[in-house]
């Protein structure tokens, strides 16, 4: 399989999902089921893209102490392992799933400490991957301690110089700085975009206005996820609202990452904006129905795409 996509995961995570019916704070809770997956945004996006047939490499940073979990996952999913190993253990993120109350509680641990030399090593690896003719580089997730907020902006510029298109999914200062590199796809959620703009975004109309501003600044495609309310997608003068059907949520692990993968997959297929919205939303719906960062079979994703309502939003 030809390698065409690379994801950068600087702050990967071990995703532990525990099912606790009737979870209650400040009380003893009984775990009904538990599973552990190699995760983090960049790893999840790569896994979802490999699931639909793409040749994908993952580069970034992993803690050496528990890197074997990731090595097994990369081998099982056919991902190219191009990650740097650092002393210590990759962080663990815990999701407590309560199926009775339909609630998910997140406990996100801090990541491993890194430094400028580690980022330089990732950049060198990415340069080698780009030399193989990558079409896309996806920059995903938060940054570990010791890595400056400009990291994704610098890596985006490197990817562009190497001839690849860039997808971005991050938040905070890293998002603001990387937007200046004019990525081809940006997928903040509504809270992340609101934090970047310094105001609360309420309703598809205000979200669309904010997304149009980003698109006007040179971003190719802006997709703003809004949870159960759907997602607003803007490309050029075109804007749509994708509304998912009510769905049973098995786990929220990787749902946003699945949308990023869906957006990239749609771009490789050359889909128009309405079909892109349907497919990306279907990826997210598929992940919501699985325990852990996984997708259902492709025919199920196709069926889910048909259930998504897409509305054209009026021009400014």
C-alpha atoms as a PDB file:
ATOM      1  CA  UNK A   1       0.000   0.000   0.000  1.00  0.00           C
ATOM      2  CA  UNK A   2       1.400   3.377  -1.006  1.00  0.00           C
ATOM      3  CA  UNK A   3       2.067   5.758   1.866  1.00  0.00           C
ATOM      4  CA  UNK A   4       0.073   8.947   1.199  1.00  0.00           C
ATOM      5  CA  UNK A   5      -0.839  10.344   4.616  1.00  0.00           C
ATOM      6  CA  UNK A   6       1.058  11.051   7.833  1.00  0.00           C
ATOM      7  CA  UNK A   7      -0.361  12.125  11.168  1.00  0.00           C
ATOM      8  CA  UNK A   8       1.634  13.946  13.823  1.00  0.00           C
ATOM      9  CA  UNK A   9       0.790  12.980  17.410  1.00  0.00           C
ATOM     10  CA  UNK A  10       2.938  14.914  19.869  1.00  0.00           C
ATOM     11  CA  UNK A  11       0.854  14.087  22.951  1.00  0.00           C
ATOM     12  CA  UNK A  12      -0.480  10.569  22.402  1.00  0.00           C
ATOM     13  CA  UNK A  13      -2.444   8.769  25.098  1.00  0.00           C
ATOM     14  CA  UNK A  14      -3.425   5.382  26.379  1.00  0.00           C
ATOM     15  CA  UNK A  15      -7.235   5.459  26.266  1.00  0.00           C
ATOM     16  CA  UNK A  16      -8.812   3.510  29.102  1.00  0.00           C
ATOM     17  CA  UNK A  17     -12.579   3.150  28.810  1.00  0.00           C
ATOM     18  CA  UNK A  18     -14.434   1.868  31.868  1.00  0.00           C
ATOM     19  CA  UNK A  19     -18.160   1.154  31.899  1.00  0.00           C
ATOM     20  CA  UNK A  20     -19.818   2.043  35.212  1.00  0.00           C
ATOM     21  CA  UNK A  21     -23.638   1.841  35.227  1.00  0.00           C
ATOM     22  CA  UNK A  22     -25.055   4.489  37.567  1.00  0.00           C
ATOM     23  CA  UNK A  23     -21.709   6.236  38.102  1.00  0.00           C
ATOM     24  CA  UNK A  24     -21.824   8.507  41.150  1.00  0.00           C
ATOM     25  CA  UNK A  25     -19.188  10.974  42.353  1.00  0.00           C
ATOM     26  CA  UNK A  26     -18.014  10.707  45.958  1.00  0.00           C
ATOM     27  CA  UNK A  27     -19.181   7.096  46.164  1.00  0.00           C
ATOM     28  CA  UNK A  28     -17.966   3.540  45.588  1.00  0.00           C
ATOM     29  CA  UNK A  29     -18.610   2.525  41.954  1.00  0.00           C
ATOM     30  CA  UNK A  30     -18.463  -0.932  40.382  1.00  0.00           C
ATOM     31  CA  UNK A  31     -16.803  -1.313  36.993  1.00  0.00           C
ATOM     32  CA  UNK A  32     -18.805  -3.532  34.657  1.00  0.00           C
ATOM     33  CA  UNK A  33     -16.255  -3.565  31.817  1.00  0.00           C
ATOM     34  CA  UNK A  34     -12.905  -2.049  30.933  1.00  0.00           C
ATOM     35  CA  UNK A  35     -10.661  -1.816  27.890  1.00  0.00           C
ATOM     36  CA  UNK A  36      -7.369  -0.137  27.018  1.00  0.00           C
ATOM     37  CA  UNK A  37      -6.476   1.220  23.565  1.00  0.00           C
ATOM     38  CA  UNK A  38      -3.532   3.025  22.036  1.00  0.00           C
ATOM     39  CA  UNK A  39      -4.861   6.498  21.324  1.00  0.00           C
ATOM     40  CA  UNK A  40      -4.464  10.230  21.177  1.00  0.00           C
ATOM     41  CA  UNK A  41      -5.837  12.336  18.342  1.00  0.00           C
ATOM     42  CA  UNK A  42      -3.075  11.704  15.834  1.00  0.00           C
ATOM     43  CA  UNK A  43      -3.064   7.957  16.472  1.00  0.00           C
ATOM     44  CA  UNK A  44      -6.860   7.783  16.225  1.00  0.00           C
ATOM     45  CA  UNK A  45      -7.026   9.756  12.970  1.00  0.00           C
ATOM     46  CA  UNK A  46      -4.375   7.474  11.470  1.00  0.00           C
ATOM     47  CA  UNK A  47      -6.236   4.357  12.627  1.00  0.00           C
ATOM     48  CA  UNK A  48      -9.534   5.534  11.128  1.00  0.00           C
ATOM     49  CA  UNK A  49      -7.880   6.394   7.808  1.00  0.00           C
ATOM     50  CA  UNK A  50      -6.162   2.998   7.684  1.00  0.00           C
ATOM     51  CA  UNK A  51      -9.562   1.408   8.367  1.00  0.00           C
ATOM     52  CA  UNK A  52     -10.875   2.786   5.058  1.00  0.00           C
ATOM     53  CA  UNK A  53      -7.837   1.710   3.090  1.00  0.00           C
ATOM     54  CA  UNK A  54      -5.266   4.505   3.226  1.00  0.00           C
ATOM     55  CA  UNK A  55      -1.547   4.015   3.676  1.00  0.00           C
ATOM     56  CA  UNK A  56      -0.728   6.033   6.797  1.00  0.00           C
ATOM     57  CA  UNK A  57       2.320   6.739   8.959  1.00  0.00           C
ATOM     58  CA  UNK A  58       2.255   8.071  12.506  1.00  0.00           C
ATOM     59  CA  UNK A  59       5.070  10.258  13.750  1.00  0.00           C
ATOM     60  CA  UNK A  60       5.343  12.084  17.039  1.00  0.00           C
ATOM     61  CA  UNK A  61       6.322  11.263  20.608  1.00  0.00           C
ATOM     62  CA  UNK A  62       5.719   8.195  22.772  1.00  0.00           C
ATOM     63  CA  UNK A  63       6.892   7.242  26.249  1.00  0.00           C
ATOM     64  CA  UNK A  64       9.235   4.275  26.089  1.00  0.00           C
ATOM     65  CA  UNK A  65       7.803   2.606  29.197  1.00  0.00           C
ATOM     66  CA  UNK A  66       4.475   1.691  27.587  1.00  0.00           C
ATOM     67  CA  UNK A  67       5.322   2.013  23.887  1.00  0.00           C
ATOM     68  CA  UNK A  68       4.707  -1.710  23.323  1.00  0.00           C
ATOM     69  CA  UNK A  69       0.936  -1.093  23.389  1.00  0.00           C
ATOM     70  CA  UNK A  70       1.315   1.361  20.512  1.00  0.00           C
ATOM     71  CA  UNK A  71       3.711  -0.903  18.600  1.00  0.00           C
ATOM     72  CA  UNK A  72       1.168  -3.735  18.739  1.00  0.00           C
ATOM     73  CA  UNK A  73      -1.598  -1.401  17.594  1.00  0.00           C
ATOM     74  CA  UNK A  74       0.447  -0.051  14.678  1.00  0.00           C
ATOM     75  CA  UNK A  75       1.298  -3.581  13.550  1.00  0.00           C
ATOM     76  CA  UNK A  76      -2.317  -4.768  13.846  1.00  0.00           C
ATOM     77  CA  UNK A  77      -3.738  -1.833  11.868  1.00  0.00           C
ATOM     78  CA  UNK A  78      -0.997  -1.614   9.237  1.00  0.00           C
ATOM     79  CA  UNK A  79       0.232   1.820  10.323  1.00  0.00           C
ATOM     80  CA  UNK A  80       3.842   2.834   9.738  1.00  0.00           C
ATOM     81  CA  UNK A  81       5.442   3.499  13.136  1.00  0.00           C
ATOM     82  CA  UNK A  82       7.627   6.601  12.788  1.00  0.00           C
ATOM     83  CA  UNK A  83       7.370   7.812  16.405  1.00  0.00           C
ATOM     84  CA  UNK A  84      10.200   8.948  18.644  1.00  0.00           C
ATOM     85  CA  UNK A  85      10.526   7.210  22.031  1.00  0.00           C
ATOM     86  CA  UNK A  86      11.150   9.372  25.094  1.00  0.00           C
ATOM     87  CA  UNK A  87      11.909   8.386  28.703  1.00  0.00           C
ATOM     88  CA  UNK A  88       8.814   7.801  30.814  1.00  0.00           C
ATOM     89  CA  UNK A  89       5.300   6.591  30.028  1.00  0.00           C
ATOM     90  CA  UNK A  90       2.735   7.921  27.587  1.00  0.00           C
ATOM     91  CA  UNK A  91      -0.129   9.484  29.556  1.00  0.00           C
ATOM     92  CA  UNK A  92      -3.413   7.704  30.265  1.00  0.00           C
ATOM     93  CA  UNK A  93      -6.823   9.220  29.564  1.00  0.00           C
ATOM     94  CA  UNK A  94      -9.760   7.616  31.361  1.00  0.00           C
ATOM     95  CA  UNK A  95     -13.346   7.750  30.111  1.00  0.00           C
ATOM     96  CA  UNK A  96     -16.037   6.621  32.547  1.00  0.00           C
ATOM     97  CA  UNK A  97     -19.045   5.536  30.499  1.00  0.00           C
ATOM     98  CA  UNK A  98     -22.394   5.366  32.302  1.00  0.00           C
ATOM     99  CA  UNK A  99     -24.928   3.681  29.983  1.00  0.00           C
ATOM    100  CA  UNK A 100     -27.815   4.156  32.434  1.00  0.00           C
ATOM    101  CA  UNK A 101     -27.506   7.942  32.600  1.00  0.00           C
ATOM    102  CA  UNK A 102     -26.067   8.249  29.067  1.00  0.00           C
ATOM    103  CA  UNK A 103     -23.082  10.187  30.434  1.00  0.00           C
ATOM    104  CA  UNK A 104     -19.334  10.129  29.828  1.00  0.00           C
ATOM    105  CA  UNK A 105     -16.827  11.524  32.354  1.00  0.00           C
ATOM    106  CA  UNK A 106     -13.270  12.300  31.196  1.00  0.00           C
ATOM    107  CA  UNK A 107     -10.096  12.169  33.282  1.00  0.00           C
ATOM    108  CA  UNK A 108      -7.168  13.423  31.177  1.00  0.00           C
ATOM    109  CA  UNK A 109      -3.665  13.045  32.610  1.00  0.00           C
ATOM    110  CA  UNK A 110      -0.696  15.272  31.728  1.00  0.00           C
ATOM    111  CA  UNK A 111       1.664  14.072  29.039  1.00  0.00           C
ATOM    112  CA  UNK A 112       5.361  13.259  29.018  1.00  0.00           C
ATOM    113  CA  UNK A 113       7.860  16.106  29.135  1.00  0.00           C
ATOM    114  CA  UNK A 114       9.588  16.924  25.855  1.00  0.00           C
ATOM    115  CA  UNK A 115      11.906  19.594  24.514  1.00  0.00           C
ATOM    116  CA  UNK A 116      12.999  21.418  21.357  1.00  0.00           C
ATOM    117  CA  UNK A 117      15.376  18.618  20.366  1.00  0.00           C
ATOM    118  CA  UNK A 118      12.492  16.142  20.414  1.00  0.00           C
ATOM    119  CA  UNK A 119      10.436  18.368  18.137  1.00  0.00           C
ATOM    120  CA  UNK A 120      13.417  18.676  15.795  1.00  0.00           C
ATOM    121  CA  UNK A 121      13.589  14.872  15.628  1.00  0.00           C
ATOM    122  CA  UNK A 122       9.899  14.710  14.703  1.00  0.00           C
ATOM    123  CA  UNK A 123      10.436  17.374  12.028  1.00  0.00           C
ATOM    124  CA  UNK A 124      13.356  15.388  10.596  1.00  0.00           C
ATOM    125  CA  UNK A 125      11.215  12.236  10.457  1.00  0.00           C
ATOM    126  CA  UNK A 126       8.359  14.140   8.828  1.00  0.00           C
ATOM    127  CA  UNK A 127      10.795  15.489   6.224  1.00  0.00           C
ATOM    128  CA  UNK A 128      11.793  11.898   5.386  1.00  0.00           C
ATOM    129  CA  UNK A 129       8.150  10.886   5.065  1.00  0.00           C
ATOM    130  CA  UNK A 130       7.375  13.875   2.854  1.00  0.00           C
ATOM    131  CA  UNK A 131      10.159  12.800   0.521  1.00  0.00           C
ATOM    132  CA  UNK A 132       8.074   9.681  -0.192  1.00  0.00           C
ATOM    133  CA  UNK A 133       5.353  11.854  -1.758  1.00  0.00           C
ATOM    134  CA  UNK A 134       2.776  12.431   0.952  1.00  0.00           C
ATOM    135  CA  UNK A 135      -0.538  13.976  -0.073  1.00  0.00           C
ATOM    136  CA  UNK A 136      -1.670  14.924   3.462  1.00  0.00           C
ATOM    137  CA  UNK A 137      -0.197  15.694   6.865  1.00  0.00           C
ATOM    138  CA  UNK A 138      -2.606  15.822   9.816  1.00  0.00           C
ATOM    139  CA  UNK A 139      -1.474  17.765  12.897  1.00  0.00           C
ATOM    140  CA  UNK A 140      -3.600  16.557  15.773  1.00  0.00           C
ATOM    141  CA  UNK A 141      -3.988  17.015  19.494  1.00  0.00           C
ATOM    142  CA  UNK A 142      -2.554  18.995  22.368  1.00  0.00           C
ATOM    143  CA  UNK A 143       1.116  19.716  22.954  1.00  0.00           C
ATOM    144  CA  UNK A 144       3.154  18.169  25.771  1.00  0.00           C
ATOM    145  CA  UNK A 145       5.029  20.244  28.328  1.00  0.00           C
ATOM    146  CA  UNK A 146       8.232  21.650  26.892  1.00  0.00           C
ATOM    147  CA  UNK A 147       6.950  22.053  23.317  1.00  0.00           C
ATOM    148  CA  UNK A 148       6.200  25.626  22.284  1.00  0.00           C
ATOM    149  CA  UNK A 149       2.801  26.714  20.974  1.00  0.00           C
ATOM    150  CA  UNK A 150       4.326  27.446  17.562  1.00  0.00           C
ATOM    151  CA  UNK A 151       5.069  23.735  16.961  1.00  0.00           C
ATOM    152  CA  UNK A 152       2.129  23.042  14.650  1.00  0.00           C
ATOM    153  CA  UNK A 153       2.642  26.288  12.723  1.00  0.00           C
ATOM    154  CA  UNK A 154       6.236  25.237  12.031  1.00  0.00           C
ATOM    155  CA  UNK A 155       5.264  21.674  11.084  1.00  0.00           C
ATOM    156  CA  UNK A 156       2.480  22.958   8.833  1.00  0.00           C
ATOM    157  CA  UNK A 157       4.990  25.115   6.983  1.00  0.00           C
ATOM    158  CA  UNK A 158       7.298  22.113   6.676  1.00  0.00           C
ATOM    159  CA  UNK A 159       4.488  19.979   5.258  1.00  0.00           C
ATOM    160  CA  UNK A 160       3.543  22.643   2.752  1.00  0.00           C
ATOM    161  CA  UNK A 161       7.174  22.985   1.663  1.00  0.00           C
ATOM    162  CA  UNK A 162       7.216  19.216   1.127  1.00  0.00           C
ATOM    163  CA  UNK A 163       4.182  19.397  -1.166  1.00  0.00           C
ATOM    164  CA  UNK A 164       1.518  18.032   1.198  1.00  0.00           C
ATOM    165  CA  UNK A 165      -1.839  19.462   2.174  1.00  0.00           C
ATOM    166  CA  UNK A 166      -2.410  20.086   5.891  1.00  0.00           C
ATOM    167  CA  UNK A 167      -5.240  19.182   8.261  1.00  0.00           C
ATOM    168  CA  UNK A 168      -5.269  20.699  11.752  1.00  0.00           C
ATOM    169  CA  UNK A 169      -7.111  19.680  14.907  1.00  0.00           C
ATOM    170  CA  UNK A 170      -5.836  21.389  18.031  1.00  0.00           C
ATOM    171  CA  UNK A 171      -6.852  24.142  20.440  1.00  0.00           C
ATOM    172  CA  UNK A 172      -5.592  27.078  22.468  1.00  0.00           C
ATOM    173  CA  UNK A 173      -2.525  29.075  21.419  1.00  0.00           C
ATOM    174  CA  UNK A 174      -1.366  26.263  19.131  1.00  0.00           C
ATOM    175  CA  UNK A 175      -4.555  26.664  17.093  1.00  0.00           C
ATOM    176  CA  UNK A 176      -4.211  30.429  16.778  1.00  0.00           C
ATOM    177  CA  UNK A 177      -0.591  30.277  15.639  1.00  0.00           C
ATOM    178  CA  UNK A 178      -1.131  27.389  13.201  1.00  0.00           C
ATOM    179  CA  UNK A 179      -4.071  29.132  11.529  1.00  0.00           C
ATOM    180  CA  UNK A 180      -1.591  31.640  10.158  1.00  0.00           C
ATOM    181  CA  UNK A 181      -0.133  28.792   8.104  1.00  0.00           C
ATOM    182  CA  UNK A 182      -3.516  28.563   6.309  1.00  0.00           C
ATOM    183  CA  UNK A 183      -4.156  24.822   6.629  1.00  0.00           C
ATOM    184  CA  UNK A 184      -6.360  23.092   4.098  1.00  0.00           C
ATOM    185  CA  UNK A 185      -8.670  21.639   6.774  1.00  0.00           C
ATOM    186  CA  UNK A 186      -9.332  22.890  10.297  1.00  0.00           C
ATOM    187  CA  UNK A 187     -11.717  21.110  12.662  1.00  0.00           C
ATOM    188  CA  UNK A 188     -12.218  22.859  16.004  1.00  0.00           C
ATOM    189  CA  UNK A 189     -15.219  22.072  18.138  1.00  0.00           C
ATOM    190  CA  UNK A 190     -17.527  24.950  19.011  1.00  0.00           C
ATOM    191  CA  UNK A 191     -15.931  25.528  22.427  1.00  0.00           C
ATOM    192  CA  UNK A 192     -12.396  25.557  20.979  1.00  0.00           C
ATOM    193  CA  UNK A 193     -13.334  28.009  18.245  1.00  0.00           C
ATOM    194  CA  UNK A 194     -15.146  30.222  20.756  1.00  0.00           C
ATOM    195  CA  UNK A 195     -12.089  30.223  23.028  1.00  0.00           C
ATOM    196  CA  UNK A 196      -9.880  31.178  20.078  1.00  0.00           C
ATOM    197  CA  UNK A 197     -12.164  34.074  19.185  1.00  0.00           C
ATOM    198  CA  UNK A 198     -12.734  35.131  22.788  1.00  0.00           C
ATOM    199  CA  UNK A 199     -16.496  34.846  22.651  1.00  0.00           C
ATOM    200  CA  UNK A 200     -19.196  32.244  23.169  1.00  0.00           C
ATOM    201  CA  UNK A 201     -20.702  30.836  19.997  1.00  0.00           C
ATOM    202  CA  UNK A 202     -24.374  29.889  20.213  1.00  0.00           C
ATOM    203  CA  UNK A 203     -26.326  28.316  17.394  1.00  0.00           C
ATOM    204  CA  UNK A 204     -25.401  27.401  13.806  1.00  0.00           C
ATOM    205  CA  UNK A 205     -25.715  31.004  12.597  1.00  0.00           C
ATOM    206  CA  UNK A 206     -23.011  32.407  14.886  1.00  0.00           C
ATOM    207  CA  UNK A 207     -20.846  29.342  14.331  1.00  0.00           C
ATOM    208  CA  UNK A 208     -21.190  29.762  10.571  1.00  0.00           C
ATOM    209  CA  UNK A 209     -20.233  33.429  10.790  1.00  0.00           C
ATOM    210  CA  UNK A 210     -17.086  32.550  12.739  1.00  0.00           C
ATOM    211  CA  UNK A 211     -16.247  29.723  10.346  1.00  0.00           C
ATOM    212  CA  UNK A 212     -16.682  32.039   7.352  1.00  0.00           C
ATOM    213  CA  UNK A 213     -14.175  34.437   8.921  1.00  0.00           C
ATOM    214  CA  UNK A 214     -11.610  31.623   9.174  1.00  0.00           C
ATOM    215  CA  UNK A 215     -12.261  30.542   5.598  1.00  0.00           C
ATOM    216  CA  UNK A 216     -11.852  34.133   4.426  1.00  0.00           C
ATOM    217  CA  UNK A 217      -8.445  34.246   6.102  1.00  0.00           C
ATOM    218  CA  UNK A 218      -7.210  31.495   3.795  1.00  0.00           C
ATOM    219  CA  UNK A 219      -8.221  28.220   5.456  1.00  0.00           C
ATOM    220  CA  UNK A 220      -9.464  25.795   2.804  1.00  0.00           C
ATOM    221  CA  UNK A 221     -12.212  23.970   4.727  1.00  0.00           C
ATOM    222  CA  UNK A 222     -13.487  24.842   8.200  1.00  0.00           C
ATOM    223  CA  UNK A 223     -15.538  22.207  10.030  1.00  0.00           C
ATOM    224  CA  UNK A 224     -16.898  23.138  13.453  1.00  0.00           C
ATOM    225  CA  UNK A 225     -18.335  20.230  15.415  1.00  0.00           C
ATOM    226  CA  UNK A 226     -21.208  20.958  17.812  1.00  0.00           C
ATOM    227  CA  UNK A 227     -21.901  17.574  19.382  1.00  0.00           C
ATOM    228  CA  UNK A 228     -25.462  16.324  19.013  1.00  0.00           C
ATOM    229  CA  UNK A 229     -26.364  19.579  17.209  1.00  0.00           C
ATOM    230  CA  UNK A 230     -24.191  18.516  14.274  1.00  0.00           C
ATOM    231  CA  UNK A 231     -21.450  20.392  12.459  1.00  0.00           C
ATOM    232  CA  UNK A 232     -21.055  23.509  10.331  1.00  0.00           C
ATOM    233  CA  UNK A 233     -18.780  23.199   7.305  1.00  0.00           C
ATOM    234  CA  UNK A 234     -17.574  26.171   5.270  1.00  0.00           C
ATOM    235  CA  UNK A 235     -15.493  26.105   2.099  1.00  0.00           C
ATOM    236  CA  UNK A 236     -15.119  29.309   0.132  1.00  0.00           C
ATOM    237  CA  UNK A 237     -18.541  30.936  -0.218  1.00  0.00           C
ATOM    238  CA  UNK A 238     -20.353  27.639   0.444  1.00  0.00           C
ATOM    239  CA  UNK A 239     -21.635  26.641   3.893  1.00  0.00           C
ATOM    240  CA  UNK A 240     -23.701  23.710   5.148  1.00  0.00           C
ATOM    241  CA  UNK A 241     -25.088  22.382   8.406  1.00  0.00           C
ATOM    242  CA  UNK A 242     -24.864  18.601   8.927  1.00  0.00           C
ATOM    243  CA  UNK A 243     -27.466  17.285  11.370  1.00  0.00           C
ATOM    244  CA  UNK A 244     -26.991  13.726  12.649  1.00  0.00           C
ATOM    245  CA  UNK A 245     -29.884  11.522  13.700  1.00  0.00           C
ATOM    246  CA  UNK A 246     -30.365  10.642  17.359  1.00  0.00           C
ATOM    247  CA  UNK A 247     -27.952   7.817  18.093  1.00  0.00           C
ATOM    248  CA  UNK A 248     -26.977   5.492  20.896  1.00  0.00           C
ATOM    249  CA  UNK A 249     -23.575   6.482  22.277  1.00  0.00           C
ATOM    250  CA  UNK A 250     -21.377   3.574  23.264  1.00  0.00           C
ATOM    251  CA  UNK A 251     -18.341   5.798  23.819  1.00  0.00           C
ATOM    252  CA  UNK A 252     -17.196   9.282  22.811  1.00  0.00           C
ATOM    253  CA  UNK A 253     -13.576   8.130  22.435  1.00  0.00           C
ATOM    254  CA  UNK A 254     -12.301   9.317  19.068  1.00  0.00           C
ATOM    255  CA  UNK A 255     -15.566  10.761  17.742  1.00  0.00           C
ATOM    256  CA  UNK A 256     -13.969  14.105  16.861  1.00  0.00           C
ATOM    257  CA  UNK A 257     -10.902  12.339  15.471  1.00  0.00           C
ATOM    258  CA  UNK A 258     -13.172  10.229  13.284  1.00  0.00           C
ATOM    259  CA  UNK A 259     -14.620  13.414  11.802  1.00  0.00           C
ATOM    260  CA  UNK A 260     -11.105  14.637  10.957  1.00  0.00           C
ATOM    261  CA  UNK A 261     -10.389  11.324   9.248  1.00  0.00           C
ATOM    262  CA  UNK A 262     -13.689  11.579   7.395  1.00  0.00           C
ATOM    263  CA  UNK A 263     -12.839  15.066   6.161  1.00  0.00           C
ATOM    264  CA  UNK A 264      -9.467  13.903   4.844  1.00  0.00           C
ATOM    265  CA  UNK A 265     -10.995  10.793   3.280  1.00  0.00           C
ATOM    266  CA  UNK A 266     -13.657  12.910   1.583  1.00  0.00           C
ATOM    267  CA  UNK A 267     -10.942  15.203   0.218  1.00  0.00           C
ATOM    268  CA  UNK A 268      -9.103  12.231  -1.301  1.00  0.00           C
ATOM    269  CA  UNK A 269     -12.373  11.274  -3.020  1.00  0.00           C
ATOM    270  CA  UNK A 270     -12.908  14.806  -4.338  1.00  0.00           C
ATOM    271  CA  UNK A 271     -16.365  15.113  -2.771  1.00  0.00           C
ATOM    272  CA  UNK A 272     -18.394  18.319  -2.779  1.00  0.00           C
ATOM    273  CA  UNK A 273     -19.194  20.046   0.494  1.00  0.00           C
ATOM    274  CA  UNK A 274     -22.625  18.403   1.161  1.00  0.00           C
ATOM    275  CA  UNK A 275     -21.257  14.892   0.609  1.00  0.00           C
ATOM    276  CA  UNK A 276     -18.160  15.744   2.631  1.00  0.00           C
ATOM    277  CA  UNK A 277     -20.429  16.795   5.495  1.00  0.00           C
ATOM    278  CA  UNK A 278     -22.404  13.553   5.278  1.00  0.00           C
ATOM    279  CA  UNK A 279     -19.344  11.327   5.165  1.00  0.00           C
ATOM    280  CA  UNK A 280     -17.422  13.096   7.942  1.00  0.00           C
ATOM    281  CA  UNK A 281     -20.499  13.031  10.182  1.00  0.00           C
ATOM    282  CA  UNK A 282     -20.980   9.342   9.408  1.00  0.00           C
ATOM    283  CA  UNK A 283     -17.400   8.638  10.507  1.00  0.00           C
ATOM    284  CA  UNK A 284     -18.146  10.399  13.796  1.00  0.00           C
ATOM    285  CA  UNK A 285     -21.426   8.532  14.253  1.00  0.00           C
ATOM    286  CA  UNK A 286     -19.635   5.270  13.568  1.00  0.00           C
ATOM    287  CA  UNK A 287     -17.076   5.974  16.283  1.00  0.00           C
ATOM    288  CA  UNK A 288     -19.806   6.916  18.762  1.00  0.00           C
ATOM    289  CA  UNK A 289     -21.334   3.471  18.330  1.00  0.00           C
ATOM    290  CA  UNK A 290     -18.104   1.630  19.170  1.00  0.00           C
ATOM    291  CA  UNK A 291     -16.311   1.100  22.482  1.00  0.00           C
ATOM    292  CA  UNK A 292     -12.843   2.604  22.111  1.00  0.00           C
ATOM    293  CA  UNK A 293     -11.409   4.419  19.071  1.00  0.00           C
ATOM    294  CA  UNK A 294     -12.817   2.179  16.363  1.00  0.00           C
ATOM    295  CA  UNK A 295     -15.042   2.389  13.293  1.00  0.00           C
ATOM    296  CA  UNK A 296     -17.691  -0.042  12.080  1.00  0.00           C
ATOM    297  CA  UNK A 297     -17.408  -1.730   8.654  1.00  0.00           C
ATOM    298  CA  UNK A 298     -17.440   0.570   5.638  1.00  0.00           C
ATOM    299  CA  UNK A 299     -20.927  -0.468   4.551  1.00  0.00           C
ATOM    300  CA  UNK A 300     -22.210   0.686   7.934  1.00  0.00           C
ATOM    301  CA  UNK A 301     -20.489   4.068   7.459  1.00  0.00           C
ATOM    302  CA  UNK A 302     -22.149   4.380   4.051  1.00  0.00           C
ATOM    303  CA  UNK A 303     -25.525   3.614   5.613  1.00  0.00           C
ATOM    304  CA  UNK A 304     -24.942   6.166   8.385  1.00  0.00           C
ATOM    305  CA  UNK A 305     -24.094   8.837   5.802  1.00  0.00           C
ATOM    306  CA  UNK A 306     -27.550   8.418   4.308  1.00  0.00           C
ATOM    307  CA  UNK A 307     -29.127   9.272   7.680  1.00  0.00           C
ATOM    308  CA  UNK A 308     -27.381  12.658   7.948  1.00  0.00           C
ATOM    309  CA  UNK A 309     -29.458  15.713   7.021  1.00  0.00           C
ATOM    310  CA  UNK A 310     -27.505  18.455   5.268  1.00  0.00           C
ATOM    311  CA  UNK A 311     -28.897  21.967   5.015  1.00  0.00           C
ATOM    312  CA  UNK A 312     -27.404  24.730   2.908  1.00  0.00           C
ATOM    313  CA  UNK A 313     -26.723  27.850   4.987  1.00  0.00           C
ATOM    314  CA  UNK A 314     -27.484  31.196   3.340  1.00  0.00           C
ATOM    315  CA  UNK A 315     -24.644  33.370   2.076  1.00  0.00           C
ATOM    316  CA  UNK A 316     -23.592  36.435   4.030  1.00  0.00           C
END
